[in-house]
C-alpha atoms as a PDB file:
ATOM      1  CA  UNK A   1      -3.573  24.910   6.395  1.00  0.00           C
ATOM      2  CA  UNK A   2      -3.267  28.639   7.082  1.00  0.00           C
ATOM      3  CA  UNK A   3      -1.145  27.842  10.110  1.00  0.00           C
ATOM      4  CA  UNK A   4       0.986  25.611   7.898  1.00  0.00           C
ATOM      5  CA  UNK A   5       1.415  28.371   5.327  1.00  0.00           C
ATOM      6  CA  UNK A   6       2.544  30.764   8.072  1.00  0.00           C
ATOM      7  CA  UNK A   7       5.164  28.283   9.275  1.00  0.00           C
ATOM      8  CA  UNK A   8       6.425  27.760   5.708  1.00  0.00           C
ATOM      9  CA  UNK A   9       6.905  31.493   5.232  1.00  0.00           C
ATOM     10  CA  UNK A  10       8.819  31.711   8.497  1.00  0.00           C
ATOM     11  CA  UNK A  11      11.219  28.821   7.995  1.00  0.00           C
ATOM     12  CA  UNK A  12      11.741  29.037   4.210  1.00  0.00           C
ATOM     13  CA  UNK A  13      14.385  31.836   4.339  1.00  0.00           C
ATOM     14  CA  UNK A  14      16.379  29.917   6.951  1.00  0.00           C
ATOM     15  CA  UNK A  15      18.598  26.910   6.385  1.00  0.00           C
ATOM     16  CA  UNK A  16      16.663  24.729   8.835  1.00  0.00           C
ATOM     17  CA  UNK A  17      16.265  21.041   8.087  1.00  0.00           C
ATOM     18  CA  UNK A  18      12.630  20.147   7.484  1.00  0.00           C
ATOM     19  CA  UNK A  19      10.739  16.875   7.665  1.00  0.00           C
ATOM     20  CA  UNK A  20       7.282  16.701   6.073  1.00  0.00           C
ATOM     21  CA  UNK A  21       4.894  13.958   7.149  1.00  0.00           C
ATOM     22  CA  UNK A  22       1.581  13.041   5.597  1.00  0.00           C
ATOM     23  CA  UNK A  23      -0.288  10.430   3.644  1.00  0.00           C
ATOM     24  CA  UNK A  24       0.523   9.654   0.023  1.00  0.00           C
ATOM     25  CA  UNK A  25      -0.817  12.389  -2.278  1.00  0.00           C
ATOM     26  CA  UNK A  26      -1.150  15.169   0.292  1.00  0.00           C
ATOM     27  CA  UNK A  27       1.336  17.418  -1.536  1.00  0.00           C
ATOM     28  CA  UNK A  28       4.596  16.909   0.374  1.00  0.00           C
ATOM     29  CA  UNK A  29       6.781  17.624  -2.641  1.00  0.00           C
ATOM     30  CA  UNK A  30       4.769  20.740  -3.459  1.00  0.00           C
ATOM     31  CA  UNK A  31       5.502  21.997   0.088  1.00  0.00           C
ATOM     32  CA  UNK A  32       9.196  21.172  -0.382  1.00  0.00           C
ATOM     33  CA  UNK A  33       9.271  23.096  -3.688  1.00  0.00           C
ATOM     34  CA  UNK A  34       7.547  26.060  -2.039  1.00  0.00           C
ATOM     35  CA  UNK A  35      10.071  26.151   0.802  1.00  0.00           C
ATOM     36  CA  UNK A  36      12.921  26.059  -1.740  1.00  0.00           C
ATOM     37  CA  UNK A  37      11.387  28.794  -3.938  1.00  0.00           C
ATOM     38  CA  UNK A  38      11.018  31.075  -0.908  1.00  0.00           C
ATOM     39  CA  UNK A  39      14.547  30.398   0.301  1.00  0.00           C
ATOM     40  CA  UNK A  40      17.863  32.097  -0.437  1.00  0.00           C
ATOM     41  CA  UNK A  41      18.800  29.047  -2.529  1.00  0.00           C
ATOM     42  CA  UNK A  42      15.961  29.551  -5.032  1.00  0.00           C
ATOM     43  CA  UNK A  43      18.355  30.497  -7.850  1.00  0.00           C
ATOM     44  CA  UNK A  44      19.642  26.892  -7.840  1.00  0.00           C
ATOM     45  CA  UNK A  45      17.640  23.853  -8.893  1.00  0.00           C
ATOM     46  CA  UNK A  46      16.282  21.660  -6.115  1.00  0.00           C
ATOM     47  CA  UNK A  47      17.541  18.098  -6.301  1.00  0.00           C
ATOM     48  CA  UNK A  48      14.971  15.320  -5.669  1.00  0.00           C
ATOM     49  CA  UNK A  49      15.687  11.793  -4.551  1.00  0.00           C
ATOM     50  CA  UNK A  50      12.998   9.121  -3.946  1.00  0.00           C
ATOM     51  CA  UNK A  51      14.291   6.402  -1.596  1.00  0.00           C
ATOM     52  CA  UNK A  52      11.474   4.073  -2.673  1.00  0.00           C
ATOM     53  CA  UNK A  53      12.241   4.312  -6.395  1.00  0.00           C
ATOM     54  CA  UNK A  54      15.888   3.234  -6.319  1.00  0.00           C
ATOM     55  CA  UNK A  55      17.204  -0.301  -5.543  1.00  0.00           C
ATOM     56  CA  UNK A  56      18.701  -0.423  -2.033  1.00  0.00           C
ATOM     57  CA  UNK A  57      22.143  -1.357  -3.283  1.00  0.00           C
ATOM     58  CA  UNK A  58      22.282   1.844  -5.370  1.00  0.00           C
ATOM     59  CA  UNK A  59      20.938   4.341  -2.867  1.00  0.00           C
ATOM     60  CA  UNK A  60      24.362   5.137  -1.364  1.00  0.00           C
ATOM     61  CA  UNK A  61      25.899   5.776  -4.769  1.00  0.00           C
ATOM     62  CA  UNK A  62      22.958   7.959  -5.819  1.00  0.00           C
ATOM     63  CA  UNK A  63      23.144  10.103  -2.707  1.00  0.00           C
ATOM     64  CA  UNK A  64      26.904  10.305  -2.112  1.00  0.00           C
ATOM     65  CA  UNK A  65      28.463   9.409  -5.466  1.00  0.00           C
ATOM     66  CA  UNK A  66      31.211   6.886  -6.185  1.00  0.00           C
ATOM     67  CA  UNK A  67      34.746   6.595  -7.428  1.00  0.00           C
ATOM     68  CA  UNK A  68      35.759   4.766 -10.578  1.00  0.00           C
ATOM     69  CA  UNK A  69      36.235   1.058  -9.872  1.00  0.00           C
ATOM     70  CA  UNK A  70      34.684   1.207  -6.397  1.00  0.00           C
ATOM     71  CA  UNK A  71      32.244  -1.591  -7.318  1.00  0.00           C
ATOM     72  CA  UNK A  72      31.315  -3.712 -10.320  1.00  0.00           C
ATOM     73  CA  UNK A  73      29.949  -1.436 -13.009  1.00  0.00           C
ATOM     74  CA  UNK A  74      31.493   1.763 -11.654  1.00  0.00           C
ATOM     75  CA  UNK A  75      33.326   2.587 -14.881  1.00  0.00           C
ATOM     76  CA  UNK A  76      33.689   6.270 -14.086  1.00  0.00           C
ATOM     77  CA  UNK A  77      33.647   8.652 -11.143  1.00  0.00           C
ATOM     78  CA  UNK A  78      30.192  10.038 -10.463  1.00  0.00           C
ATOM     79  CA  UNK A  79      28.881  12.841  -8.307  1.00  0.00           C
ATOM     80  CA  UNK A  80      26.066  12.079  -5.885  1.00  0.00           C
ATOM     81  CA  UNK A  81      23.020  14.223  -5.294  1.00  0.00           C
ATOM     82  CA  UNK A  82      24.566  15.799  -2.221  1.00  0.00           C
ATOM     83  CA  UNK A  83      27.342  17.217  -4.360  1.00  0.00           C
ATOM     84  CA  UNK A  84      24.963  18.229  -7.135  1.00  0.00           C
ATOM     85  CA  UNK A  85      22.787  20.034  -4.558  1.00  0.00           C
ATOM     86  CA  UNK A  86      25.722  22.124  -3.222  1.00  0.00           C
ATOM     87  CA  UNK A  87      24.413  25.602  -2.329  1.00  0.00           C
ATOM     88  CA  UNK A  88      20.916  24.348  -3.026  1.00  0.00           C
ATOM     89  CA  UNK A  89      18.247  22.066  -1.530  1.00  0.00           C
ATOM     90  CA  UNK A  90      18.051  18.285  -1.529  1.00  0.00           C
ATOM     91  CA  UNK A  91      14.566  16.821  -1.157  1.00  0.00           C
ATOM     92  CA  UNK A  92      14.648  13.233   0.069  1.00  0.00           C
ATOM     93  CA  UNK A  93      11.258  11.625  -0.530  1.00  0.00           C
ATOM     94  CA  UNK A  94       9.985   8.427   1.130  1.00  0.00           C
ATOM     95  CA  UNK A  95      12.632   8.704   3.845  1.00  0.00           C
ATOM     96  CA  UNK A  96      11.110   5.767   5.700  1.00  0.00           C
ATOM     97  CA  UNK A  97      12.377   3.478   2.913  1.00  0.00           C
ATOM     98  CA  UNK A  98      16.044   4.371   3.668  1.00  0.00           C
ATOM     99  CA  UNK A  99      17.874   1.174   4.785  1.00  0.00           C
ATOM    100  CA  UNK A 100      19.145   1.087   8.365  1.00  0.00           C
ATOM    101  CA  UNK A 101      22.753   0.613   7.226  1.00  0.00           C
ATOM    102  CA  UNK A 102      22.679   3.934   5.304  1.00  0.00           C
ATOM    103  CA  UNK A 103      21.039   5.980   8.023  1.00  0.00           C
ATOM    104  CA  UNK A 104      24.327   6.644   9.956  1.00  0.00           C
ATOM    105  CA  UNK A 105      25.897   8.017   6.775  1.00  0.00           C
ATOM    106  CA  UNK A 106      22.939  10.384   6.273  1.00  0.00           C
ATOM    107  CA  UNK A 107      23.192  11.443   9.895  1.00  0.00           C
ATOM    108  CA  UNK A 108      26.867  12.290   9.432  1.00  0.00           C
ATOM    109  CA  UNK A 109      26.069  14.292   6.308  1.00  0.00           C
ATOM    110  CA  UNK A 110      23.486  16.265   8.272  1.00  0.00           C
ATOM    111  CA  UNK A 111      25.699  16.901  11.304  1.00  0.00           C
ATOM    112  CA  UNK A 112      29.086  17.462   9.647  1.00  0.00           C
ATOM    113  CA  UNK A 113      27.877  18.787   6.296  1.00  0.00           C
ATOM    114  CA  UNK A 114      30.357  16.520   4.576  1.00  0.00           C
ATOM    115  CA  UNK A 115      30.012  13.348   2.530  1.00  0.00           C
ATOM    116  CA  UNK A 116      32.307  10.630   1.237  1.00  0.00           C
ATOM    117  CA  UNK A 117      31.836   8.956  -2.129  1.00  0.00           C
ATOM    118  CA  UNK A 118      31.690   5.188  -2.297  1.00  0.00           C
ATOM    119  CA  UNK A 119      35.279   4.008  -2.590  1.00  0.00           C
ATOM    120  CA  UNK A 120      36.768   7.431  -1.720  1.00  0.00           C
ATOM    121  CA  UNK A 121      39.407   8.037   0.944  1.00  0.00           C
ATOM    122  CA  UNK A 122      38.578  11.610   1.787  1.00  0.00           C
ATOM    123  CA  UNK A 123      35.442  13.556   2.610  1.00  0.00           C
ATOM    124  CA  UNK A 124      33.952  16.509   0.747  1.00  0.00           C
ATOM    125  CA  UNK A 125      32.323  19.549   2.374  1.00  0.00           C
ATOM    126  CA  UNK A 126      28.866  20.340   1.073  1.00  0.00           C
ATOM    127  CA  UNK A 127      26.440  23.196   1.742  1.00  0.00           C
ATOM    128  CA  UNK A 128      23.066  21.525   1.317  1.00  0.00           C
ATOM    129  CA  UNK A 129      19.687  22.183   2.893  1.00  0.00           C
ATOM    130  CA  UNK A 130      17.785  18.923   3.537  1.00  0.00           C
ATOM    131  CA  UNK A 131      14.047  18.594   3.234  1.00  0.00           C
ATOM    132  CA  UNK A 132      12.756  15.073   3.850  1.00  0.00           C
ATOM    133  CA  UNK A 133       9.293  13.587   3.455  1.00  0.00           C
ATOM    134  CA  UNK A 134       7.640  10.363   4.489  1.00  0.00           C
ATOM    135  CA  UNK A 135       4.186   8.833   4.541  1.00  0.00           C
ATOM    136  CA  UNK A 136       5.157   6.609   7.485  1.00  0.00           C
ATOM    137  CA  UNK A 137       4.761   7.295  11.161  1.00  0.00           C
ATOM    138  CA  UNK A 138       8.441   7.797  11.967  1.00  0.00           C
ATOM    139  CA  UNK A 139       7.825   7.766  15.706  1.00  0.00           C
ATOM    140  CA  UNK A 140       6.415   4.251  15.274  1.00  0.00           C
ATOM    141  CA  UNK A 141       9.341   3.280  13.049  1.00  0.00           C
ATOM    142  CA  UNK A 142      11.765   4.419  15.782  1.00  0.00           C
ATOM    143  CA  UNK A 143       9.933   2.365  18.403  1.00  0.00           C
ATOM    144  CA  UNK A 144       9.980  -0.667  16.126  1.00  0.00           C
ATOM    145  CA  UNK A 145      13.761  -0.308  15.581  1.00  0.00           C
ATOM    146  CA  UNK A 146      13.436   0.392  11.864  1.00  0.00           C
ATOM    147  CA  UNK A 147      14.581   4.011  12.036  1.00  0.00           C
ATOM    148  CA  UNK A 148      17.401   5.512  14.068  1.00  0.00           C
ATOM    149  CA  UNK A 149      16.241   7.745  16.892  1.00  0.00           C
ATOM    150  CA  UNK A 150      19.193  10.157  16.574  1.00  0.00           C
ATOM    151  CA  UNK A 151      18.516  10.610  12.855  1.00  0.00           C
ATOM    152  CA  UNK A 152      14.816  11.195  13.540  1.00  0.00           C
ATOM    153  CA  UNK A 153      15.593  14.001  16.012  1.00  0.00           C
ATOM    154  CA  UNK A 154      18.249  15.489  13.745  1.00  0.00           C
ATOM    155  CA  UNK A 155      15.737  15.712  10.896  1.00  0.00           C
ATOM    156  CA  UNK A 156      12.980  17.110  13.093  1.00  0.00           C
ATOM    157  CA  UNK A 157      14.340  20.614  13.390  1.00  0.00           C
ATOM    158  CA  UNK A 158      11.123  21.710  11.729  1.00  0.00           C
ATOM    159  CA  UNK A 159       8.356  19.133  11.486  1.00  0.00           C
ATOM    160  CA  UNK A 160       5.388  19.770   9.148  1.00  0.00           C
ATOM    161  CA  UNK A 161       2.386  17.439   9.160  1.00  0.00           C
ATOM    162  CA  UNK A 162       0.081  17.678   6.164  1.00  0.00           C
ATOM    163  CA  UNK A 163      -3.520  16.684   6.953  1.00  0.00           C
ATOM    164  CA  UNK A 164      -5.294  14.311   4.581  1.00  0.00           C
ATOM    165  CA  UNK A 165      -7.783  15.894   2.198  1.00  0.00           C
ATOM    166  CA  UNK A 166     -10.757  14.230   3.941  1.00  0.00           C
ATOM    167  CA  UNK A 167      -9.913  16.331   7.042  1.00  0.00           C
ATOM    168  CA  UNK A 168     -10.050  19.575   5.087  1.00  0.00           C
ATOM    169  CA  UNK A 169     -12.932  19.146   2.695  1.00  0.00           C
ATOM    170  CA  UNK A 170     -13.520  22.910   2.689  1.00  0.00           C
ATOM    171  CA  UNK A 171     -10.390  23.205   0.543  1.00  0.00           C
ATOM    172  CA  UNK A 172     -11.854  21.074  -2.265  1.00  0.00           C
ATOM    173  CA  UNK A 173     -13.732  23.901  -4.111  1.00  0.00           C
ATOM    174  CA  UNK A 174     -10.592  26.065  -4.002  1.00  0.00           C
ATOM    175  CA  UNK A 175      -8.419  23.226  -5.272  1.00  0.00           C
ATOM    176  CA  UNK A 176     -10.808  22.361  -8.081  1.00  0.00           C
ATOM    177  CA  UNK A 177     -10.923  25.977  -9.244  1.00  0.00           C
ATOM    178  CA  UNK A 178      -7.138  26.082  -9.171  1.00  0.00           C
ATOM    179  CA  UNK A 179      -6.851  22.906 -11.252  1.00  0.00           C
ATOM    180  CA  UNK A 180      -9.340  24.189 -13.840  1.00  0.00           C
ATOM    181  CA  UNK A 181      -7.473  27.480 -14.077  1.00  0.00           C
ATOM    182  CA  UNK A 182      -3.893  26.236 -14.227  1.00  0.00           C
ATOM    183  CA  UNK A 183      -3.695  22.724 -15.647  1.00  0.00           C
ATOM    184  CA  UNK A 184      -3.092  22.163 -19.344  1.00  0.00           C
ATOM    185  CA  UNK A 185      -5.690  19.416 -19.660  1.00  0.00           C
ATOM    186  CA  UNK A 186      -8.387  22.074 -19.376  1.00  0.00           C
ATOM    187  CA  UNK A 187      -7.072  24.195 -22.243  1.00  0.00           C
ATOM    188  CA  UNK A 188      -8.509  24.338 -25.781  1.00  0.00           C
ATOM    189  CA  UNK A 189      -6.228  24.889 -28.794  1.00  0.00           C
ATOM    190  CA  UNK A 190      -6.890  28.674 -28.576  1.00  0.00           C
ATOM    191  CA  UNK A 191      -5.769  28.721 -24.925  1.00  0.00           C
ATOM    192  CA  UNK A 192      -9.206  29.217 -23.406  1.00  0.00           C
ATOM    193  CA  UNK A 193     -10.669  26.922 -20.752  1.00  0.00           C
ATOM    194  CA  UNK A 194     -12.695  23.918 -21.812  1.00  0.00           C
ATOM    195  CA  UNK A 195     -14.563  23.763 -18.474  1.00  0.00           C
ATOM    196  CA  UNK A 196     -15.213  26.935 -16.515  1.00  0.00           C
ATOM    197  CA  UNK A 197     -17.360  25.665 -13.674  1.00  0.00           C
ATOM    198  CA  UNK A 198     -18.582  22.570 -11.829  1.00  0.00           C
ATOM    199  CA  UNK A 199     -22.164  21.765 -10.973  1.00  0.00           C
ATOM    200  CA  UNK A 200     -23.360  21.912  -7.316  1.00  0.00           C
ATOM    201  CA  UNK A 201     -24.228  18.184  -7.473  1.00  0.00           C
ATOM    202  CA  UNK A 202     -20.722  17.287  -8.625  1.00  0.00           C
ATOM    203  CA  UNK A 203     -19.140  19.472  -5.969  1.00  0.00           C
ATOM    204  CA  UNK A 204     -21.285  17.860  -3.323  1.00  0.00           C
ATOM    205  CA  UNK A 205     -20.037  14.409  -4.399  1.00  0.00           C
ATOM    206  CA  UNK A 206     -16.430  15.618  -4.353  1.00  0.00           C
ATOM    207  CA  UNK A 207     -16.843  17.065  -0.859  1.00  0.00           C
ATOM    208  CA  UNK A 208     -18.482  13.894   0.494  1.00  0.00           C
ATOM    209  CA  UNK A 209     -15.868  11.466  -0.920  1.00  0.00           C
ATOM    210  CA  UNK A 210     -13.104  10.390   1.511  1.00  0.00           C
ATOM    211  CA  UNK A 211     -10.130  10.730  -0.905  1.00  0.00           C
ATOM    212  CA  UNK A 212      -7.750   7.904   0.082  1.00  0.00           C
ATOM    213  CA  UNK A 213      -5.402   9.168  -2.637  1.00  0.00           C
ATOM    214  CA  UNK A 214      -5.731  12.729  -1.360  1.00  0.00           C
ATOM    215  CA  UNK A 215      -4.935  15.674  -3.661  1.00  0.00           C
ATOM    216  CA  UNK A 216      -3.249  13.465  -6.261  1.00  0.00           C
ATOM    217  CA  UNK A 217      -6.494  11.506  -6.619  1.00  0.00           C
ATOM    218  CA  UNK A 218      -8.488  14.749  -6.825  1.00  0.00           C
ATOM    219  CA  UNK A 219      -6.247  16.039  -9.665  1.00  0.00           C
ATOM    220  CA  UNK A 220      -6.815  12.805 -11.598  1.00  0.00           C
ATOM    221  CA  UNK A 221     -10.547  12.904 -10.975  1.00  0.00           C
ATOM    222  CA  UNK A 222     -10.831  16.457 -12.301  1.00  0.00           C
ATOM    223  CA  UNK A 223      -8.746  15.607 -15.376  1.00  0.00           C
ATOM    224  CA  UNK A 224     -11.020  12.663 -16.073  1.00  0.00           C
ATOM    225  CA  UNK A 225     -14.113  14.837 -15.580  1.00  0.00           C
ATOM    226  CA  UNK A 226     -12.793  17.502 -17.967  1.00  0.00           C
ATOM    227  CA  UNK A 227     -12.194  14.806 -20.598  1.00  0.00           C
ATOM    228  CA  UNK A 228     -15.759  13.544 -20.277  1.00  0.00           C
ATOM    229  CA  UNK A 229     -17.510  16.898 -19.984  1.00  0.00           C
ATOM    230  CA  UNK A 230     -19.775  17.765 -22.924  1.00  0.00           C
ATOM    231  CA  UNK A 231     -20.124  21.412 -21.962  1.00  0.00           C
ATOM    232  CA  UNK A 232     -18.378  24.148 -19.993  1.00  0.00           C
ATOM    233  CA  UNK A 233     -19.832  22.712 -16.778  1.00  0.00           C
ATOM    234  CA  UNK A 234     -18.612  19.520 -15.140  1.00  0.00           C
ATOM    235  CA  UNK A 235     -21.606  17.437 -14.097  1.00  0.00           C
ATOM    236  CA  UNK A 236     -21.902  14.626 -11.618  1.00  0.00           C
ATOM    237  CA  UNK A 237     -21.984  12.081 -14.455  1.00  0.00           C
ATOM    238  CA  UNK A 238     -18.524  13.216 -15.576  1.00  0.00           C
ATOM    239  CA  UNK A 239     -16.954  12.112 -12.301  1.00  0.00           C
ATOM    240  CA  UNK A 240     -15.428   8.635 -11.827  1.00  0.00           C
ATOM    241  CA  UNK A 241     -17.914   6.001 -10.705  1.00  0.00           C
ATOM    242  CA  UNK A 242     -16.224   5.360  -7.350  1.00  0.00           C
ATOM    243  CA  UNK A 243     -16.659   9.017  -6.419  1.00  0.00           C
ATOM    244  CA  UNK A 244     -20.314   8.965  -7.453  1.00  0.00           C
ATOM    245  CA  UNK A 245     -20.890   5.917  -5.264  1.00  0.00           C
ATOM    246  CA  UNK A 246     -18.534   6.909  -2.454  1.00  0.00           C
ATOM    247  CA  UNK A 247     -16.461   3.710  -2.838  1.00  0.00           C
ATOM    248  CA  UNK A 248     -12.878   4.264  -1.695  1.00  0.00           C
ATOM    249  CA  UNK A 249     -11.843   0.721  -2.854  1.00  0.00           C
ATOM    250  CA  UNK A 250     -11.047  -0.410   0.685  1.00  0.00           C
ATOM    251  CA  UNK A 251      -8.185   2.062   1.109  1.00  0.00           C
ATOM    252  CA  UNK A 252      -9.934   3.520   4.138  1.00  0.00           C
ATOM    253  CA  UNK A 253     -12.209   1.900   6.746  1.00  0.00           C
ATOM    254  CA  UNK A 254     -15.823   1.903   5.573  1.00  0.00           C
ATOM    255  CA  UNK A 255     -18.313   4.401   6.952  1.00  0.00           C
ATOM    256  CA  UNK A 256     -21.462   3.748   8.916  1.00  0.00           C
ATOM    257  CA  UNK A 257     -23.948   6.524   9.661  1.00  0.00           C
ATOM    258  CA  UNK A 258     -24.140   7.831  13.224  1.00  0.00           C
ATOM    259  CA  UNK A 259     -26.920  10.306  13.931  1.00  0.00           C
ATOM    260  CA  UNK A 260     -26.433  13.290  16.225  1.00  0.00           C
ATOM    261  CA  UNK A 261     -28.895  15.949  17.169  1.00  0.00           C
ATOM    262  CA  UNK A 262     -28.280  19.152  15.229  1.00  0.00           C
ATOM    263  CA  UNK A 263     -31.062  21.673  15.671  1.00  0.00           C
ATOM    264  CA  UNK A 264     -34.340  20.058  14.690  1.00  0.00           C
ATOM    265  CA  UNK A 265     -32.871  17.492  12.350  1.00  0.00           C
ATOM    266  CA  UNK A 266     -30.512  14.518  12.906  1.00  0.00           C
ATOM    267  CA  UNK A 267     -27.250  14.718  11.057  1.00  0.00           C
ATOM    268  CA  UNK A 268     -25.347  11.698   9.775  1.00  0.00           C
ATOM    269  CA  UNK A 269     -21.734  11.763  10.896  1.00  0.00           C
ATOM    270  CA  UNK A 270     -19.259   9.353   9.205  1.00  0.00           C
ATOM    271  CA  UNK A 271     -17.381   6.998  11.467  1.00  0.00           C
ATOM    272  CA  UNK A 272     -15.022   4.131  10.567  1.00  0.00           C
ATOM    273  CA  UNK A 273     -16.296   0.646  11.350  1.00  0.00           C
ATOM    274  CA  UNK A 274     -14.030  -2.056  12.762  1.00  0.00           C
ATOM    275  CA  UNK A 275     -15.062  -5.709  12.808  1.00  0.00           C
ATOM    276  CA  UNK A 276     -13.500  -6.688  16.121  1.00  0.00           C
ATOM    277  CA  UNK A 277     -15.265 -10.019  16.328  1.00  0.00           C
ATOM    278  CA  UNK A 278     -13.535 -11.872  13.502  1.00  0.00           C
ATOM    279  CA  UNK A 279      -9.886 -12.622  13.195  1.00  0.00           C
ATOM    280  CA  UNK A 280      -9.499 -11.483   9.559  1.00  0.00           C
ATOM    281  CA  UNK A 281      -8.846  -8.040   8.264  1.00  0.00           C
ATOM    282  CA  UNK A 282     -11.621  -5.928   6.774  1.00  0.00           C
ATOM    283  CA  UNK A 283     -10.437  -6.226   3.206  1.00  0.00           C
ATOM    284  CA  UNK A 284      -8.176  -8.428   1.155  1.00  0.00           C
ATOM    285  CA  UNK A 285      -4.944  -6.662   0.075  1.00  0.00           C
ATOM    286  CA  UNK A 286      -5.031  -4.966  -3.281  1.00  0.00           C
ATOM    287  CA  UNK A 287      -2.569  -7.051  -5.259  1.00  0.00           C
ATOM    288  CA  UNK A 288      -3.015  -4.874  -8.340  1.00  0.00           C
ATOM    289  CA  UNK A 289      -1.354  -1.881  -6.622  1.00  0.00           C
ATOM    290  CA  UNK A 290       2.263  -0.854  -6.312  1.00  0.00           C
ATOM    291  CA  UNK A 291       3.956  -2.600  -3.383  1.00  0.00           C
ATOM    292  CA  UNK A 292       4.188   0.459  -1.157  1.00  0.00           C
ATOM    293  CA  UNK A 293       0.541   1.540  -1.677  1.00  0.00           C
ATOM    294  CA  UNK A 294      -0.770  -2.017  -1.049  1.00  0.00           C
ATOM    295  CA  UNK A 295       1.347  -2.315   2.090  1.00  0.00           C
ATOM    296  CA  UNK A 296       0.220   1.065   3.453  1.00  0.00           C
ATOM    297  CA  UNK A 297      -3.404   0.114   2.873  1.00  0.00           C
ATOM    298  CA  UNK A 298      -2.935  -3.215   4.636  1.00  0.00           C
ATOM    299  CA  UNK A 299      -1.156  -1.645   7.603  1.00  0.00           C
ATOM    300  CA  UNK A 300      -3.861   0.986   7.990  1.00  0.00           C
ATOM    301  CA  UNK A 301      -6.507  -1.730   8.150  1.00  0.00           C
ATOM    302  CA  UNK A 302      -4.545  -3.619  10.783  1.00  0.00           C
ATOM    303  CA  UNK A 303      -3.919  -0.541  12.965  1.00  0.00           C
ATOM    304  CA  UNK A 304      -7.562   0.524  12.881  1.00  0.00           C
ATOM    305  CA  UNK A 305      -8.910  -2.927  13.764  1.00  0.00           C
ATOM    306  CA  UNK A 306      -6.208  -3.621  16.378  1.00  0.00           C
ATOM    307  CA  UNK A 307      -6.956  -0.379  18.252  1.00  0.00           C
ATOM    308  CA  UNK A 308     -10.714  -0.939  18.108  1.00  0.00           C
ATOM    309  CA  UNK A 309     -10.279  -4.459  19.483  1.00  0.00           C
ATOM    310  CA  UNK A 310      -8.120  -3.292  22.387  1.00  0.00           C
ATOM    311  CA  UNK A 311     -10.547  -0.487  23.256  1.00  0.00           C
ATOM    312  CA  UNK A 312     -13.394  -2.968  23.416  1.00  0.00           C
ATOM    313  CA  UNK A 313     -11.383  -5.456  25.363  1.00  0.00           C
ATOM    314  CA  UNK A 314     -10.400  -2.820  27.926  1.00  0.00           C
ATOM    315  CA  UNK A 315     -13.924  -1.344  28.109  1.00  0.00           C
ATOM    316  CA  UNK A 316     -12.820   1.975  26.596  1.00  0.00           C
ATOM    317  CA  UNK A 317      -9.956   2.551  29.062  1.00  0.00           C
ATOM    318  CA  UNK A 318      -7.256   4.153  26.847  1.00  0.00           C
ATOM    319  CA  UNK A 319      -4.485   3.825  29.425  1.00  0.00           C
ATOM    320  CA  UNK A 320      -5.124   0.068  29.835  1.00  0.00           C
ATOM    321  CA  UNK A 321      -5.407  -0.423  26.079  1.00  0.00           C
ATOM    322  CA  UNK A 322      -2.102   1.386  25.465  1.00  0.00           C
ATOM    323  CA  UNK A 323      -0.434  -0.676  28.189  1.00  0.00           C
ATOM    324  CA  UNK A 324      -1.710  -3.879  26.590  1.00  0.00           C
ATOM    325  CA  UNK A 325      -0.330  -2.784  23.214  1.00  0.00           C
ATOM    326  CA  UNK A 326       2.966  -1.799  24.892  1.00  0.00           C
ATOM    327  CA  UNK A 327       2.947   1.630  23.280  1.00  0.00           C
ATOM    328  CA  UNK A 328       2.899   5.161  24.685  1.00  0.00           C
ATOM    329  CA  UNK A 329      -0.569   6.372  25.670  1.00  0.00           C
ATOM    330  CA  UNK A 330      -0.195   9.635  23.730  1.00  0.00           C
ATOM    331  CA  UNK A 331       0.716   7.692  20.613  1.00  0.00           C
ATOM    332  CA  UNK A 332      -2.292   5.413  21.171  1.00  0.00           C
ATOM    333  CA  UNK A 333      -4.565   8.455  21.270  1.00  0.00           C
ATOM    334  CA  UNK A 334      -2.839   9.820  18.139  1.00  0.00           C
ATOM    335  CA  UNK A 335      -3.730   6.606  16.292  1.00  0.00           C
ATOM    336  CA  UNK A 336      -7.303   6.855  17.634  1.00  0.00           C
ATOM    337  CA  UNK A 337      -7.641  10.307  16.150  1.00  0.00           C
ATOM    338  CA  UNK A 338      -6.145   9.075  12.891  1.00  0.00           C
ATOM    339  CA  UNK A 339      -8.926   6.440  12.536  1.00  0.00           C
ATOM    340  CA  UNK A 340     -11.643   8.461  14.263  1.00  0.00           C
ATOM    341  CA  UNK A 341     -12.054   5.889  17.020  1.00  0.00           C
ATOM    342  CA  UNK A 342     -14.004   6.703  20.170  1.00  0.00           C
ATOM    343  CA  UNK A 343     -13.291   5.054  23.516  1.00  0.00           C
ATOM    344  CA  UNK A 344     -16.970   5.370  24.382  1.00  0.00           C
ATOM    345  CA  UNK A 345     -16.275   7.040  27.711  1.00  0.00           C
ATOM    346  CA  UNK A 346     -14.888  10.318  28.993  1.00  0.00           C
ATOM    347  CA  UNK A 347     -11.115  10.232  29.448  1.00  0.00           C
ATOM    348  CA  UNK A 348      -9.998  12.191  32.516  1.00  0.00           C
ATOM    349  CA  UNK A 349      -6.384  12.184  31.253  1.00  0.00           C
ATOM    350  CA  UNK A 350      -7.182  14.040  28.010  1.00  0.00           C
ATOM    351  CA  UNK A 351      -5.479  17.171  29.293  1.00  0.00           C
ATOM    352  CA  UNK A 352      -2.021  15.642  29.101  1.00  0.00           C
ATOM    353  CA  UNK A 353      -2.275  14.894  25.383  1.00  0.00           C
END
């Protein structure tokens, strides 16, 4: 994270296009806001557009605007977000949801710095800095033909990858203290804090939990704990039940203990478990979730099990497994790291990754 902060400080004053990748809830919009606040465009408001929250048939109009009468319901001329973000920053969230037919128009806007409203006959010059974010693996989307390669490379002038919270558990105490100090839900009517500290037992549970919802889930958990707390100290009983039990609701592969020698005592090391014997997935899809979250969970389960199966089938040979999957070997290893999968043997080709 310190390396990431250093990169943000370096690129913020420039006009470089930035793409931010990371799981849902890792703080991609916070990074975008920070880049904007540290830039020369900070005096203007940053415009935000979520590709996943707007119907596909309206995305073009939202981004580029439209002329009166250009389509049914266009009763007046309207500026798009590109025009509204002139001399400022446009943050495009959930970029992976952008339809293929609109990607060439976004590419043109990036390359030419000009846009054309729906139904217009002339283009307009705009001075906009683009920051995009996605929770998808865009390299995989390019390989699958769902995302244009030229647009991917045009956006990747600066590429920032936010690690999930479970990979930086040391940050949790700092984040919790920040939430207790800054968020309004921890304020009494006189402005003082309701909760000033958290018990060691509660902090231990927070650090051990795997956080499938990342920082967003942590914020909600602390707000809930503050609401339940009977004193100035948050106790373990104030935390949500799933955190107390370590149940991530199937969003992540389950854990099985693996002991390793550490001094005189064995240490349990979490490792995802893949059932490679059966044909079904590890969990049923969560139908009570928003479409995108349920789909991401289901895809993650498939990827983890698929890789584990190929590694077993190919006796831990990563090159053979990647060839069987018809994907690049480096990308195969990237997915292995994502799901903490071990080939079970030394890989002599590790140096080229």
